[in-house]
Amino acid sequence: MLDAVVVGAGPNGLTAAVELARRGFSVAVFEARDTVGGGARTEELTLPGFRHDPCSAAHPLGINSPAFKAMPLERYGLEWLHAPLPMAHPFLDGTAAVLSRSVAETAASLGPRDAGTYRRLVAPFTSRWDTLARDFMSLPLTALPRDPVTLARFGLVGLPPSTWLMRRFRDDRAKALFAGLVAHVIAPLDGLATGAVGLVFALAAHAGGWPVARGGSQSIADALTAYLKDLGGLVHTDYEVKRLDDLPPARAYVFDTSPAALARIAGLGRAYERYRYGAGVFKIDYALDGPVPWTAEEPRRAGTVQVGAGIQEIGTALRAASREGRAPDPPFLITVQPSLADPSRAPAGKQVFWAYGHVPNGWDGDLTDAVERQLERFAPGFRDRVLARATAGPPELAARNPNYVGGDIACGAASGLQLLLRPKLSLFPYNTPHPAIFICSSATPPGPGVHGMSGHNAAKAVWRRLRQRAA
C-alpha cells in the first residue's frame, strides 16, 4: 500500500508529491494527459519551432515561491530568465507606466503626483518580502507567522477593495497600472482583499521580477517531476481517473483537481456545491514575424504588458465578464512576450506572443477581432506581424485542462470571501469530508498561480494525518 496517491500532475500536485516524498513517504502521481504540467505546459501550437505556453507564461509567484526556493530545481533544468522590465502598461498618448525591479523607476513612471504615494505604499514591505511571502502564502494555519506585525500591517492595507487603495493615487496612470495588477486574478476591482492582490504582484516584481522559465513553463513541471523521481516517487501519465477505485490502495489521496471533479471522483456528493467558478478567458497564442510594434518604448522591453486605456476601461471590462455575462469590447488584455527573455522559443528573428481577455464563464464566442483591435490601438501594425495564431476560448481551455471549469483559469472565482476562504469556509481547507482524501489545487489557499504553495500546504495536512495514524 502506498502512503499517498496524487491525482493531477500540475505544479501543485507535483509539489505535494515532492514534499511527501522528501519526508520518506511512498508516493505515486496519476495524470490524465500524456504529459505532466497542468497550467505549466509548453507546446508548438502554431508553427514548427514556435514554443508556446498554453496557459501560464510569466511567473512572479513562481520565482518568489517559498516551496520552489526550498527545492534544488535548478539542478533539474529550471532556469528563470528576465526581460529588461517585468511589466509595462502603455497608454494611448504613447507613454507607459512600468513595474520595474526598482521601486524608484516604477514610482517615477507614475508621474510626480503619485511617485511619493507609491513609494510610501510599498516601503513597509519591500525589505521584508521574503518573510511576508512565506507568511502570506502559507495561510491558513499551516505555519505560524514569522513576522505577525508586518503581516497584520499588510492585511490592513490589502483587505479592503482595491478601489479604496487606489484612492491614494491622484492620476489615472497609477490607478490603471494597479487595476491591471488586480485583474490578473480576474476579480472585479471592488472585491474584498483585491488591494492585497495588486500589492502582492507589485512587491513580487520588486523582489524577484516577473520571469519566464527557459524553454517554456513546461520546464517547471519537468523539474518537479525529475526531482520527485529521484526521491523515489512514481509518475503515471495517460491515466484518467474517473472514480476512486481506478487508483491503487493508499493511506491518503490528494487531488490537484477542481472541487467539482474531486466530489465526482471521490463520491463526496454535494460537499462543494456552493463553490463558485468565475469568468473565463479567451486566449490567443501568436507566431510573429518580429517584435510587437508598440508605440511606447517601455513595452518593447517588458516581459508582460497590460493593455487597457485607463481604470474606467479596465473596470468596465472586468464587470462585463464577471457580473454582466457579456464579452467586453474593448477587452482588457494581459499579454506576455517570452521571446524577449528567451529567444530560443522561436526561430531566429521571430517571436512568440501570448494574449488573453476576460469573457463570461462558458462563453463560446470568438474574441479574436476585439483582441486585435485593442492591440492595434497600442501597437499599430500588429496584425501585419502575425504569421499564425492559435485561439482557445472557455470550451477549448476546459477541454485541455478540466480544472479550468468554464474557462476559469483560476479554478474558482477569486472574488468575495472565496478569494480568501476557498474551497469552503474552513480552518482546514485542504481536508475534505473523507479523512483520507485531500485537495491541493488552486481552489485552495493561497489560490491561483504557478507557485506550488497550495500543494506544499496540503502536503503538511497529509503528513500530519499519516503520522497520527502511524502513532
Protein backbone atom coordinates (compact mmCIF):
# COMPACT_ATOMS: atom_id res chain seq x y z
CA MET A 1 0.00 0.00 0.00
CA LEU A 2 1.28 3.45 -0.94
CA ASP A 3 1.39 6.21 1.62
CA ALA A 4 -0.11 8.77 -0.78
CA VAL A 5 -1.58 8.92 -4.27
CA VAL A 6 -1.79 12.30 -6.03
CA VAL A 7 -4.34 12.86 -8.80
CA GLY A 8 -3.22 15.54 -11.25
CA ALA A 9 0.34 16.46 -12.23
CA GLY A 10 0.06 20.23 -12.22
CA PRO A 11 2.54 22.30 -10.21
CA ASN A 12 0.50 21.89 -7.02
CA GLY A 13 0.06 18.15 -7.36
CA LEU A 14 3.74 17.65 -8.14
CA THR A 15 4.78 19.90 -5.26
CA ALA A 16 2.57 17.97 -2.84
CA ALA A 17 4.11 14.72 -4.07
CA VAL A 18 7.65 16.07 -3.68
CA GLU A 19 7.01 17.34 -0.15
CA LEU A 20 5.68 13.95 0.89
CA ALA A 21 8.49 12.02 -0.81
CA ARG A 22 11.10 14.26 0.84
CA ARG A 23 9.75 13.11 4.20
CA GLY A 24 10.07 9.43 3.37
CA PHE A 25 6.52 8.65 2.27
CA SER A 26 5.87 6.46 -0.78
CA VAL A 27 4.07 8.49 -3.44
CA ALA A 28 2.60 7.97 -6.90
CA VAL A 29 1.11 10.63 -9.20
CA PHE A 30 -1.56 9.91 -11.82
CA GLU A 31 -2.14 12.36 -14.70
CA ALA A 32 -4.83 12.10 -17.38
CA ARG A 33 -2.83 13.90 -20.09
CA ASP A 34 0.17 12.40 -21.85
CA THR A 35 2.49 14.97 -20.26
CA VAL A 36 2.80 16.49 -16.81
CA GLY A 37 2.25 20.20 -16.27
CA GLY A 38 -1.37 21.23 -15.81
CA GLY A 39 -1.25 25.01 -16.25
CA ALA A 40 2.52 24.87 -16.80
CA ARG A 41 2.92 23.25 -20.20
CA THR A 42 4.72 24.22 -23.41
CA GLU A 43 3.62 23.14 -26.89
CA GLU A 44 4.04 24.02 -30.56
CA LEU A 45 0.56 25.44 -31.03
CA THR A 46 1.07 27.45 -34.22
CA LEU A 47 4.07 26.71 -36.46
CA PRO A 48 7.10 24.39 -36.13
CA GLY A 49 9.78 25.91 -33.92
CA PHE A 50 7.40 28.26 -32.07
CA ARG A 51 7.06 27.02 -28.49
CA HIS A 52 4.04 28.46 -26.68
CA ASP A 53 2.72 28.21 -23.13
CA PRO A 54 -0.97 27.25 -23.41
CA CYS A 55 -1.68 28.82 -20.03
CA SER A 56 0.71 30.42 -17.56
CA ALA A 57 3.80 32.05 -19.07
CA ALA A 58 5.25 34.68 -16.69
CA HIS A 59 5.91 33.62 -13.11
CA PRO A 60 6.21 36.37 -10.47
CA LEU A 61 4.88 33.99 -7.82
CA GLY A 62 6.96 31.07 -9.07
CA ILE A 63 10.34 32.71 -8.60
CA ASN A 64 9.17 34.03 -5.22
CA SER A 65 7.61 30.73 -4.05
CA PRO A 66 8.89 29.53 -0.66
CA ALA A 67 8.16 25.96 -1.79
CA PHE A 68 10.20 26.20 -5.00
CA LYS A 69 13.04 28.03 -3.24
CA ALA A 70 13.40 25.11 -0.83
CA MET A 71 13.91 22.64 -3.70
CA PRO A 72 17.03 22.17 -5.87
CA LEU A 73 15.02 22.67 -9.06
CA GLU A 74 17.90 24.37 -10.86
CA ARG A 75 19.73 21.02 -10.79
CA TYR A 76 16.83 19.61 -12.82
CA GLY A 77 16.90 22.24 -15.53
CA LEU A 78 14.77 25.09 -14.19
CA GLU A 79 16.28 28.48 -15.03
CA TRP A 80 14.48 31.80 -14.65
CA LEU A 81 15.04 34.33 -17.44
CA HIS A 82 14.20 38.03 -17.16
CA ALA A 83 13.20 40.63 -19.74
CA PRO A 84 14.68 44.10 -19.12
CA LEU A 85 11.38 45.16 -17.49
CA PRO A 86 8.97 42.87 -15.62
CA MET A 87 5.86 44.70 -16.83
CA ALA A 88 4.69 47.78 -18.72
CA HIS A 89 1.30 49.43 -19.10
CA PRO A 90 1.04 51.63 -22.21
CA PHE A 91 -1.42 54.48 -22.72
CA LEU A 92 -3.00 55.96 -25.83
CA ASP A 93 -0.78 59.06 -25.68
CA GLY A 94 2.28 56.95 -26.47
CA THR A 95 3.64 56.87 -22.92
CA ALA A 96 3.68 53.98 -20.43
CA ALA A 97 3.89 53.24 -16.74
CA VAL A 98 6.18 50.40 -15.72
CA LEU A 99 6.58 47.85 -12.97
CA SER A 100 10.33 47.60 -12.57
CA ARG A 101 12.65 45.74 -10.24
CA SER A 102 13.44 49.27 -9.00
CA VAL A 103 10.84 50.95 -6.79
CA ALA A 104 12.22 54.34 -7.80
CA GLU A 105 11.88 53.64 -11.52
CA THR A 106 8.34 52.36 -11.03
CA ALA A 107 7.35 55.38 -8.95
CA ALA A 108 8.84 57.82 -11.46
CA SER A 109 6.81 56.27 -14.30
CA LEU A 110 3.58 57.04 -12.44
CA GLY A 111 4.15 60.78 -12.60
CA PRO A 112 5.18 63.38 -10.00
CA ARG A 113 1.83 63.48 -8.22
CA ASP A 114 1.81 59.74 -7.42
CA ALA A 115 5.50 58.81 -7.20
CA GLY A 116 5.76 59.50 -3.48
CA THR A 117 2.46 57.78 -2.76
CA TYR A 118 3.67 54.61 -4.45
CA ARG A 119 6.99 54.63 -2.61
CA ARG A 120 5.18 55.04 0.72
CA LEU A 121 2.74 52.24 -0.16
CA VAL A 122 5.40 49.58 -0.81
CA ALA A 123 8.14 50.80 1.57
CA PRO A 124 6.93 48.91 4.69
CA PHE A 125 7.03 45.60 2.83
CA THR A 126 9.89 45.56 0.31
CA SER A 127 12.66 44.83 2.82
CA ARG A 128 10.54 42.12 4.49
CA TRP A 129 9.24 40.49 1.34
CA ASP A 130 10.72 37.01 1.84
CA THR A 131 9.14 36.64 5.27
CA LEU A 132 5.90 38.27 4.19
CA ALA A 133 5.59 35.99 1.15
CA ARG A 134 6.12 32.93 3.31
CA ASP A 135 3.55 34.10 5.88
CA PHE A 136 1.02 35.24 3.26
CA MET A 137 1.25 32.12 1.09
CA SER A 138 1.28 29.66 4.00
CA LEU A 139 -2.04 30.73 5.45
CA PRO A 140 -4.22 29.47 6.98
CA LEU A 141 -2.91 27.50 9.95
CA THR A 142 -0.14 25.70 8.10
CA ALA A 143 2.62 27.67 9.80
CA LEU A 144 2.85 30.32 12.48
CA PRO A 145 3.67 33.76 11.04
CA ARG A 146 7.32 34.67 11.34
CA ASP A 147 6.53 38.37 11.25
CA PRO A 148 2.96 38.83 12.50
CA VAL A 149 3.32 42.61 12.76
CA THR A 150 4.19 43.04 9.07
CA LEU A 151 1.52 40.52 8.07
CA ALA A 152 -1.08 42.43 10.09
CA ARG A 153 0.02 45.71 8.52
CA PHE A 154 -0.23 44.13 5.08
CA GLY A 155 -3.73 42.94 5.93
CA LEU A 156 -4.85 46.41 6.97
CA VAL A 157 -3.71 47.78 3.61
CA GLY A 158 -4.77 44.87 1.44
CA LEU A 159 -8.04 43.53 2.85
CA PRO A 160 -10.23 46.42 1.66
CA PRO A 161 -11.22 46.56 -2.03
CA SER A 162 -8.57 47.81 -4.41
CA THR A 163 -10.82 50.75 -5.27
CA TRP A 164 -10.24 52.01 -1.71
CA LEU A 165 -6.48 51.65 -2.00
CA MET A 166 -6.42 53.39 -5.38
CA ARG A 167 -7.99 56.49 -3.85
CA ARG A 168 -4.49 57.27 -2.61
CA PHE A 169 -3.44 57.93 -6.20
CA ARG A 170 -4.38 61.14 -7.97
CA ASP A 171 -3.78 60.32 -11.64
CA ASP A 172 -5.10 57.60 -13.92
CA ARG A 173 -1.63 56.24 -14.76
CA ALA A 174 -1.09 54.81 -11.30
CA LYS A 175 -4.70 53.68 -10.95
CA ALA A 176 -4.66 51.90 -14.30
CA LEU A 177 -1.40 50.08 -13.58
CA PHE A 178 -2.67 48.90 -10.19
CA ALA A 179 -6.09 47.93 -11.58
CA GLY A 180 -4.32 45.81 -14.18
CA LEU A 181 -2.41 44.01 -11.44
CA VAL A 182 -5.67 43.17 -9.67
CA ALA A 183 -7.15 41.89 -12.92
CA HIS A 184 -4.59 39.08 -13.09
CA VAL A 185 -6.87 37.07 -10.79
CA ILE A 186 -9.94 38.02 -12.88
CA ALA A 187 -11.60 39.78 -9.95
CA PRO A 188 -13.78 42.89 -10.06
CA LEU A 189 -11.87 45.84 -8.65
CA ASP A 190 -14.31 46.44 -5.79
CA GLY A 191 -13.99 42.93 -4.33
CA LEU A 192 -12.77 42.08 -0.83
CA ALA A 193 -8.97 41.88 -0.48
CA THR A 194 -8.30 42.87 -4.09
CA GLY A 195 -5.93 45.53 -2.76
CA ALA A 196 -3.75 42.68 -1.46
CA VAL A 197 -3.73 41.05 -4.91
CA GLY A 198 -2.34 44.14 -6.61
CA LEU A 199 0.16 44.75 -3.85
CA VAL A 200 1.46 41.17 -3.93
CA PHE A 201 2.13 41.35 -7.68
CA ALA A 202 3.91 44.69 -7.31
CA LEU A 203 6.07 43.50 -4.40
CA ALA A 204 6.88 40.27 -6.22
CA ALA A 205 8.21 42.26 -9.17
CA HIS A 206 10.45 44.39 -6.96
CA ALA A 207 11.76 41.31 -5.14
CA GLY A 208 12.23 38.77 -7.90
CA GLY A 209 10.87 40.09 -11.18
CA TRP A 210 8.30 38.50 -13.48
CA PRO A 211 10.45 35.92 -15.28
CA VAL A 212 9.75 33.15 -17.74
CA ALA A 213 11.24 29.67 -17.49
CA ARG A 214 13.92 28.84 -20.05
CA GLY A 215 12.35 26.67 -22.72
CA GLY A 216 8.82 27.39 -21.51
CA SER A 217 6.65 26.76 -18.47
CA GLN A 218 6.91 23.01 -19.09
CA SER A 219 10.39 23.32 -17.57
CA ILE A 220 8.85 23.95 -14.14
CA ALA A 221 6.74 20.80 -14.24
CA ASP A 222 9.59 18.77 -15.73
CA ALA A 223 11.99 19.86 -12.97
CA LEU A 224 9.48 18.97 -10.26
CA THR A 225 8.88 15.58 -11.91
CA ALA A 226 12.59 14.77 -12.21
CA TYR A 227 13.17 15.71 -8.57
CA LEU A 228 10.21 13.59 -7.49
CA LYS A 229 11.52 10.57 -9.36
CA ASP A 230 14.95 10.97 -7.75
CA LEU A 231 13.18 10.90 -4.39
CA GLY A 232 11.58 7.58 -5.32
CA GLY A 233 8.18 8.89 -6.42
CA LEU A 234 6.33 7.43 -9.39
CA VAL A 235 4.56 9.40 -12.14
CA HIS A 236 1.95 7.83 -14.41
CA THR A 237 0.66 9.79 -17.43
CA ASP A 238 -2.19 8.93 -19.81
CA TYR A 239 -4.09 7.65 -16.79
CA GLU A 240 -7.55 9.17 -16.43
CA VAL A 241 -9.13 8.73 -13.02
CA LYS A 242 -12.92 8.53 -13.13
CA ARG A 243 -13.53 7.06 -9.69
CA LEU A 244 -11.52 6.26 -6.60
CA ASP A 245 -11.46 2.56 -7.49
CA ASP A 246 -9.28 3.40 -10.51
CA LEU A 247 -6.41 4.16 -8.11
CA PRO A 248 -4.18 1.77 -6.16
CA PRO A 249 -4.68 1.37 -2.41
CA ALA A 250 -3.17 4.21 -0.39
CA ARG A 251 -3.32 5.73 3.06
CA ALA A 252 -4.11 9.16 1.62
CA TYR A 253 -5.39 10.56 -1.68
CA VAL A 254 -4.51 14.12 -2.74
CA PHE A 255 -6.41 15.81 -5.59
CA ASP A 256 -4.95 18.55 -7.76
CA THR A 257 -8.36 18.99 -9.38
CA SER A 258 -11.34 21.28 -9.26
CA PRO A 259 -13.65 20.74 -6.27
CA ALA A 260 -16.36 19.55 -8.68
CA ALA A 261 -14.09 16.84 -10.10
CA LEU A 262 -12.95 15.81 -6.62
CA ALA A 263 -16.54 15.41 -5.43
CA ARG A 264 -17.46 13.37 -8.52
CA ILE A 265 -14.42 11.05 -8.42
CA ALA A 266 -14.33 10.55 -4.66
CA GLY A 267 -18.09 10.26 -4.21
CA LEU A 268 -18.34 13.27 -1.90
CA GLY A 269 -21.82 14.19 -3.12
CA ARG A 270 -22.72 17.85 -2.65
CA ALA A 271 -19.71 18.75 -0.49
CA TYR A 272 -18.66 21.61 -2.79
CA GLU A 273 -21.95 22.57 -4.40
CA ARG A 274 -21.64 26.17 -3.19
CA TYR A 275 -18.21 26.65 -4.70
CA ARG A 276 -18.40 29.27 -7.44
CA TYR A 277 -16.46 29.40 -10.70
CA GLY A 278 -15.55 32.77 -12.12
CA ALA A 279 -15.19 34.43 -15.50
CA GLY A 280 -13.29 32.63 -18.21
CA VAL A 281 -10.66 33.84 -20.64
CA PHE A 282 -10.23 33.89 -24.38
CA LYS A 283 -6.58 33.25 -25.17
CA ILE A 284 -4.58 33.68 -28.37
CA ASP A 285 -1.06 32.39 -28.96
CA TYR A 286 0.73 34.14 -31.81
CA ALA A 287 3.69 33.33 -34.01
CA LEU A 288 5.05 36.73 -35.03
CA ASP A 289 7.40 37.84 -37.78
CA GLY A 290 9.27 40.14 -35.40
CA PRO A 291 8.52 42.07 -32.20
CA VAL A 292 5.17 43.67 -31.36
CA PRO A 293 5.28 47.26 -32.73
CA TRP A 294 4.29 49.02 -29.52
CA THR A 295 4.01 52.80 -29.87
CA ALA A 296 5.51 53.37 -26.42
CA GLU A 297 9.13 52.39 -25.90
CA GLU A 298 8.77 50.68 -22.50
CA PRO A 299 6.53 47.77 -23.63
CA ARG A 300 9.17 46.81 -26.17
CA ARG A 301 11.40 45.87 -23.19
CA ALA A 302 8.73 44.32 -20.93
CA GLY A 303 8.09 40.62 -20.44
CA THR A 304 4.44 41.28 -19.56
CA VAL A 305 2.30 44.09 -20.98
CA GLN A 306 -1.09 45.10 -19.58
CA VAL A 307 -3.35 46.56 -22.28
CA GLY A 308 -6.13 48.85 -21.11
CA ALA A 309 -6.58 52.56 -21.79
CA GLY A 310 -7.39 53.51 -18.18
CA ILE A 311 -9.01 52.42 -14.98
CA GLN A 312 -12.53 53.05 -16.27
CA GLU A 313 -11.98 50.85 -19.33
CA ILE A 314 -10.38 48.10 -17.21
CA GLY A 315 -13.14 48.17 -14.60
CA THR A 316 -15.84 48.08 -17.28
CA ALA A 317 -14.25 45.06 -18.95
CA LEU A 318 -13.97 43.15 -15.67
CA ARG A 319 -17.58 43.88 -14.71
CA ALA A 320 -18.83 42.83 -18.13
CA ALA A 321 -17.16 39.42 -17.96
CA SER A 322 -17.65 38.74 -14.24
CA ARG A 323 -21.06 40.22 -13.48
CA GLU A 324 -22.94 41.17 -16.62
CA GLY A 325 -22.48 37.98 -18.63
CA ARG A 326 -21.14 39.63 -21.77
CA ALA A 327 -17.83 39.77 -23.57
CA PRO A 328 -16.26 43.22 -23.16
CA ASP A 329 -15.35 45.35 -26.14
CA PRO A 330 -12.74 46.67 -25.79
CA PRO A 331 -11.37 43.88 -23.59
CA PHE A 332 -8.66 44.37 -21.01
CA LEU A 333 -5.71 42.25 -22.10
CA ILE A 334 -2.82 40.60 -20.33
CA THR A 335 -0.04 39.84 -22.78
CA VAL A 336 3.34 38.12 -22.43
CA GLN A 337 6.41 38.39 -24.68
CA PRO A 338 8.53 35.33 -23.76
CA SER A 339 10.95 35.82 -26.66
CA LEU A 340 12.36 39.00 -25.09
CA ALA A 341 13.94 36.90 -22.35
CA ASP A 342 14.22 33.56 -24.15
CA PRO A 343 14.98 33.81 -27.90
CA SER A 344 15.06 30.00 -28.11
CA ARG A 345 11.26 29.96 -28.03
CA ALA A 346 11.03 30.91 -31.74
CA PRO A 347 13.17 30.73 -34.91
CA ALA A 348 15.77 33.48 -35.35
CA GLY A 349 14.18 36.88 -35.85
CA LYS A 350 10.70 35.62 -34.95
CA GLN A 351 8.78 35.81 -31.68
CA VAL A 352 6.06 34.06 -29.72
CA PHE A 353 3.40 36.27 -28.16
CA TRP A 354 0.53 35.45 -25.79
CA ALA A 355 -2.63 37.44 -25.04
CA TYR A 356 -5.91 36.86 -23.27
CA GLY A 357 -9.04 38.83 -22.47
CA HIS A 358 -11.76 38.06 -19.95
CA VAL A 359 -15.12 36.63 -21.04
CA PRO A 360 -18.11 35.14 -19.18
CA ASN A 361 -17.77 31.62 -17.83
CA GLY A 362 -18.51 29.09 -20.55
CA TRP A 363 -18.69 31.74 -23.31
CA ASP A 364 -18.41 30.14 -26.75
CA GLY A 365 -17.90 33.19 -28.97
CA ASP A 366 -14.82 34.44 -30.82
CA LEU A 367 -12.97 37.40 -29.29
CA THR A 368 -10.15 37.44 -31.85
CA ASP A 369 -11.22 40.60 -33.66
CA ALA A 370 -11.82 42.53 -30.42
CA VAL A 371 -8.43 41.43 -29.05
CA GLU A 372 -6.58 42.50 -32.18
CA ARG A 373 -8.42 45.82 -32.47
CA GLN A 374 -7.38 46.54 -28.88
CA LEU A 375 -3.76 45.62 -29.63
CA GLU A 376 -3.76 47.84 -32.73
CA ARG A 377 -4.67 50.85 -30.57
CA PHE A 378 -1.35 50.50 -28.72
CA ALA A 379 0.72 48.72 -31.39
CA PRO A 380 -0.37 49.90 -34.86
CA GLY A 381 0.58 47.35 -37.49
CA PHE A 382 0.37 44.40 -35.09
CA ARG A 383 -1.75 42.32 -37.49
CA ASP A 384 0.94 42.68 -40.16
CA ARG A 385 3.38 40.80 -37.88
CA VAL A 386 1.10 37.77 -37.38
CA LEU A 387 2.31 34.58 -39.07
CA ALA A 388 -0.13 32.28 -37.33
CA ARG A 389 -2.47 32.24 -34.34
CA ALA A 390 -3.98 29.57 -32.12
CA THR A 391 -7.18 30.59 -30.31
CA ALA A 392 -8.73 29.00 -27.25
CA GLY A 393 -11.97 30.13 -25.63
CA PRO A 394 -13.53 28.70 -22.47
CA PRO A 395 -14.68 25.39 -24.09
CA GLU A 396 -11.22 24.70 -25.53
CA LEU A 397 -9.42 25.64 -22.31
CA ALA A 398 -11.71 23.39 -20.26
CA ALA A 399 -11.13 20.52 -22.70
CA ARG A 400 -7.35 20.91 -22.36
CA ASN A 401 -7.43 21.21 -18.58
CA PRO A 402 -10.53 20.06 -16.67
CA ASN A 403 -9.51 22.30 -13.74
CA TYR A 404 -10.48 25.29 -15.91
CA VAL A 405 -14.23 24.88 -15.43
CA GLY A 406 -15.96 27.09 -17.97
CA GLY A 407 -12.60 28.59 -18.94
CA ASP A 408 -11.90 29.82 -15.40
CA ILE A 409 -8.11 29.54 -15.24
CA ALA A 410 -8.18 30.49 -11.52
CA CYS A 411 -10.04 27.23 -10.71
CA GLY A 412 -12.73 29.20 -8.89
CA ALA A 413 -13.96 32.76 -8.61
CA ALA A 414 -11.37 34.93 -6.85
CA SER A 415 -14.00 37.30 -5.51
CA GLY A 416 -15.78 37.93 -2.22
CA LEU A 417 -14.90 35.68 0.69
CA GLN A 418 -13.95 32.95 -1.78
CA LEU A 419 -10.76 34.86 -2.59
CA LEU A 420 -9.59 34.15 0.96
CA LEU A 421 -11.66 31.17 2.09
CA ARG A 422 -11.59 28.53 -0.61
CA PRO A 423 -12.88 25.97 -1.41
CA LYS A 424 -15.20 26.36 1.59
CA LEU A 425 -15.40 28.13 4.94
CA SER A 426 -12.95 26.08 7.00
CA LEU A 427 -9.83 26.41 9.10
CA PHE A 428 -8.56 23.29 7.30
CA PRO A 429 -9.26 23.96 3.60
CA TYR A 430 -7.11 21.07 2.33
CA ASN A 431 -9.18 18.49 4.22
CA THR A 432 -12.39 17.02 2.81
CA PRO A 433 -15.34 15.21 4.44
CA HIS A 434 -13.38 11.97 3.97
CA PRO A 435 -10.44 11.76 6.42
CA ALA A 436 -8.12 10.12 3.86
CA ILE A 437 -8.88 12.49 0.97
CA PHE A 438 -7.33 15.95 0.49
CA ILE A 439 -7.42 18.72 -2.11
CA CYS A 440 -4.35 20.71 -3.20
CA SER A 441 -5.36 22.59 -6.37
CA SER A 442 -5.61 26.34 -6.98
CA ALA A 443 -9.06 26.08 -5.44
CA THR A 444 -7.25 26.14 -2.07
CA PRO A 445 -5.17 28.92 -0.43
CA PRO A 446 -3.19 30.82 -1.50
CA GLY A 447 -5.06 30.44 -4.78
CA PRO A 448 -4.19 30.67 -8.47
CA GLY A 449 -0.69 30.90 -9.88
CA VAL A 450 2.26 28.63 -10.61
CA HIS A 451 3.86 28.61 -7.16
CA GLY A 452 3.18 25.16 -5.72
CA MET A 453 2.19 26.58 -2.35
CA SER A 454 -1.28 25.02 -2.37
CA GLY A 455 0.43 21.66 -2.83
CA HIS A 456 3.02 22.49 -0.18
CA ASN A 457 0.36 23.47 2.35
CA ALA A 458 -1.82 20.45 1.56
CA ALA A 459 1.15 18.13 1.98
CA LYS A 460 1.53 19.35 5.55
CA ALA A 461 -2.06 18.37 6.29
CA VAL A 462 -1.45 14.96 4.70
CA TRP A 463 1.73 14.08 6.57
CA ARG A 464 0.23 15.15 9.88
CA ARG A 465 -2.66 12.80 9.18
CA LEU A 466 -0.32 9.96 8.20
CA ARG A 467 1.80 10.39 11.31
CA GLN A 468 -1.28 10.43 13.51
CA ARG A 469 -2.41 7.14 12.02
CA ALA A 470 1.07 5.66 12.38
CA ALA A 471 1.14 6.63 16.06
